[in-house]
């Protein structure tokens, strides 16, 4: 996953490493694999979305629509959910 993040979105490597360190630390402190599972899920979905630039661009646009609060966000939210569900399926989650 690290290689994929580095190739697809090098600007996100710092966040990836920070999240990995945080998840590892949390897993050790809580003696639970849950933080690592969350890390893998989050970043696997991110990679699956970023693999397709048009999908990543569409997701950013939809997120902007929702955050702008100008339009009814229902359709945008539904499409965001579909993008995430498709990415989860592609990642085998």
C-alpha atoms as a PDB file:
ATOM      1  CA  UNK A   1       0.000   0.000   0.000  1.00  0.00           C
ATOM      2  CA  UNK A   2       2.891   2.334   0.775  1.00  0.00           C
ATOM      3  CA  UNK A   3       4.222   2.016  -2.785  1.00  0.00           C
ATOM      4  CA  UNK A   4       0.768   2.678  -4.219  1.00  0.00           C
ATOM      5  CA  UNK A   5       0.317   5.828  -2.135  1.00  0.00           C
ATOM      6  CA  UNK A   6       3.793   7.008  -3.087  1.00  0.00           C
ATOM      7  CA  UNK A   7       3.152   6.471  -6.803  1.00  0.00           C
ATOM      8  CA  UNK A   8      -0.415   7.749  -6.957  1.00  0.00           C
ATOM      9  CA  UNK A   9      -0.279  10.663  -4.525  1.00  0.00           C
ATOM     10  CA  UNK A  10       3.235  11.405  -3.283  1.00  0.00           C
ATOM     11  CA  UNK A  11       1.915  14.470  -1.481  1.00  0.00           C
ATOM     12  CA  UNK A  12      -0.025  12.163   0.867  1.00  0.00           C
ATOM     13  CA  UNK A  13       3.000  10.119   2.007  1.00  0.00           C
ATOM     14  CA  UNK A  14       3.511  12.183   5.129  1.00  0.00           C
ATOM     15  CA  UNK A  15      -0.104  11.592   6.186  1.00  0.00           C
ATOM     16  CA  UNK A  16       0.206   7.886   5.370  1.00  0.00           C
ATOM     17  CA  UNK A  17       3.301   7.485   7.538  1.00  0.00           C
ATOM     18  CA  UNK A  18       1.775   9.555  10.353  1.00  0.00           C
ATOM     19  CA  UNK A  19      -1.393   7.431  10.297  1.00  0.00           C
ATOM     20  CA  UNK A  20       0.657   4.227  10.271  1.00  0.00           C
ATOM     21  CA  UNK A  21       2.698   5.335  13.286  1.00  0.00           C
ATOM     22  CA  UNK A  22      -0.457   6.428  15.112  1.00  0.00           C
ATOM     23  CA  UNK A  23      -2.220   3.137  14.353  1.00  0.00           C
ATOM     24  CA  UNK A  24       0.784   1.076  15.424  1.00  0.00           C
ATOM     25  CA  UNK A  25       1.173   3.034  18.654  1.00  0.00           C
ATOM     26  CA  UNK A  26      -2.524   2.770  19.418  1.00  0.00           C
ATOM     27  CA  UNK A  27      -2.531  -0.968  18.675  1.00  0.00           C
ATOM     28  CA  UNK A  28       0.362  -1.494  21.071  1.00  0.00           C
ATOM     29  CA  UNK A  29      -1.203   0.620  23.810  1.00  0.00           C
ATOM     30  CA  UNK A  30      -4.620  -1.014  23.562  1.00  0.00           C
ATOM     31  CA  UNK A  31      -3.276  -4.458  22.705  1.00  0.00           C
ATOM     32  CA  UNK A  32      -5.781  -4.586  19.869  1.00  0.00           C
ATOM     33  CA  UNK A  33      -5.512  -4.939  16.122  1.00  0.00           C
ATOM     34  CA  UNK A  34      -8.515  -2.646  15.579  1.00  0.00           C
ATOM     35  CA  UNK A  35      -6.419   0.506  14.955  1.00  0.00           C
ATOM     36  CA  UNK A  36      -4.363  -1.332  12.331  1.00  0.00           C
ATOM     37  CA  UNK A  37      -7.499  -2.696  10.673  1.00  0.00           C
ATOM     38  CA  UNK A  38      -8.917   0.822  10.518  1.00  0.00           C
ATOM     39  CA  UNK A  39      -5.662   2.102   9.028  1.00  0.00           C
ATOM     40  CA  UNK A  40      -5.626  -0.602   6.348  1.00  0.00           C
ATOM     41  CA  UNK A  41      -9.294  -0.043   5.509  1.00  0.00           C
ATOM     42  CA  UNK A  42      -8.941   3.726   5.225  1.00  0.00           C
ATOM     43  CA  UNK A  43      -5.831   3.664   3.078  1.00  0.00           C
ATOM     44  CA  UNK A  44      -6.939   0.723   0.909  1.00  0.00           C
ATOM     45  CA  UNK A  45     -10.099   2.637   0.002  1.00  0.00           C
ATOM     46  CA  UNK A  46      -8.036   5.769  -0.623  1.00  0.00           C
ATOM     47  CA  UNK A  47      -5.717   3.866  -2.995  1.00  0.00           C
ATOM     48  CA  UNK A  48      -8.643   2.226  -4.799  1.00  0.00           C
ATOM     49  CA  UNK A  49     -10.175   5.654  -5.406  1.00  0.00           C
ATOM     50  CA  UNK A  50      -6.909   7.292  -6.447  1.00  0.00           C
ATOM     51  CA  UNK A  51      -6.125   4.531  -8.962  1.00  0.00           C
ATOM     52  CA  UNK A  52      -8.697   6.156 -11.237  1.00  0.00           C
ATOM     53  CA  UNK A  53      -8.004   9.896 -11.597  1.00  0.00           C
ATOM     54  CA  UNK A  54     -11.469  10.626 -12.965  1.00  0.00           C
ATOM     55  CA  UNK A  55     -13.073   8.955  -9.939  1.00  0.00           C
ATOM     56  CA  UNK A  56     -10.800  10.836  -7.528  1.00  0.00           C
ATOM     57  CA  UNK A  57     -11.632  14.121  -9.274  1.00  0.00           C
ATOM     58  CA  UNK A  58     -15.346  13.342  -9.157  1.00  0.00           C
ATOM     59  CA  UNK A  59     -15.137  12.532  -5.435  1.00  0.00           C
ATOM     60  CA  UNK A  60     -13.372  15.845  -4.722  1.00  0.00           C
ATOM     61  CA  UNK A  61     -16.059  17.701  -6.670  1.00  0.00           C
ATOM     62  CA  UNK A  62     -18.850  15.944  -4.768  1.00  0.00           C
ATOM     63  CA  UNK A  63     -17.173  16.700  -1.439  1.00  0.00           C
ATOM     64  CA  UNK A  64     -16.973  20.371  -2.446  1.00  0.00           C
ATOM     65  CA  UNK A  65     -20.672  20.363  -3.338  1.00  0.00           C
ATOM     66  CA  UNK A  66     -21.530  18.987   0.100  1.00  0.00           C
ATOM     67  CA  UNK A  67     -19.238  21.342   1.997  1.00  0.00           C
ATOM     68  CA  UNK A  68     -20.380  24.425   0.069  1.00  0.00           C
ATOM     69  CA  UNK A  69     -23.916  23.965   1.344  1.00  0.00           C
ATOM     70  CA  UNK A  70     -25.413  25.744  -1.634  1.00  0.00           C
ATOM     71  CA  UNK A  71     -27.212  22.794  -3.224  1.00  0.00           C
ATOM     72  CA  UNK A  72     -29.223  19.961  -1.705  1.00  0.00           C
ATOM     73  CA  UNK A  73     -26.441  17.495  -0.869  1.00  0.00           C
ATOM     74  CA  UNK A  74     -28.556  14.321  -1.030  1.00  0.00           C
ATOM     75  CA  UNK A  75     -27.508  13.269  -4.542  1.00  0.00           C
ATOM     76  CA  UNK A  76     -23.860  14.131  -3.898  1.00  0.00           C
ATOM     77  CA  UNK A  77     -23.848  12.159  -0.646  1.00  0.00           C
ATOM     78  CA  UNK A  78     -25.409   9.151  -2.369  1.00  0.00           C
ATOM     79  CA  UNK A  79     -22.757   9.257  -5.089  1.00  0.00           C
ATOM     80  CA  UNK A  80     -19.968   9.631  -2.508  1.00  0.00           C
ATOM     81  CA  UNK A  81     -21.276   6.522  -0.737  1.00  0.00           C
ATOM     82  CA  UNK A  82     -21.316   4.620  -4.026  1.00  0.00           C
ATOM     83  CA  UNK A  83     -17.742   5.635  -4.831  1.00  0.00           C
ATOM     84  CA  UNK A  84     -16.625   4.447  -1.400  1.00  0.00           C
ATOM     85  CA  UNK A  85     -18.591   1.190  -1.672  1.00  0.00           C
ATOM     86  CA  UNK A  86     -17.097   0.474  -5.097  1.00  0.00           C
ATOM     87  CA  UNK A  87     -13.603   1.214  -3.775  1.00  0.00           C
ATOM     88  CA  UNK A  88     -14.153  -1.085  -0.772  1.00  0.00           C
ATOM     89  CA  UNK A  89     -15.259  -3.882  -3.085  1.00  0.00           C
ATOM     90  CA  UNK A  90     -12.228  -3.378  -5.339  1.00  0.00           C
ATOM     91  CA  UNK A  91      -9.960  -3.456  -2.284  1.00  0.00           C
ATOM     92  CA  UNK A  92     -11.597  -6.669  -1.095  1.00  0.00           C
ATOM     93  CA  UNK A  93     -13.028  -5.099   2.044  1.00  0.00           C
END
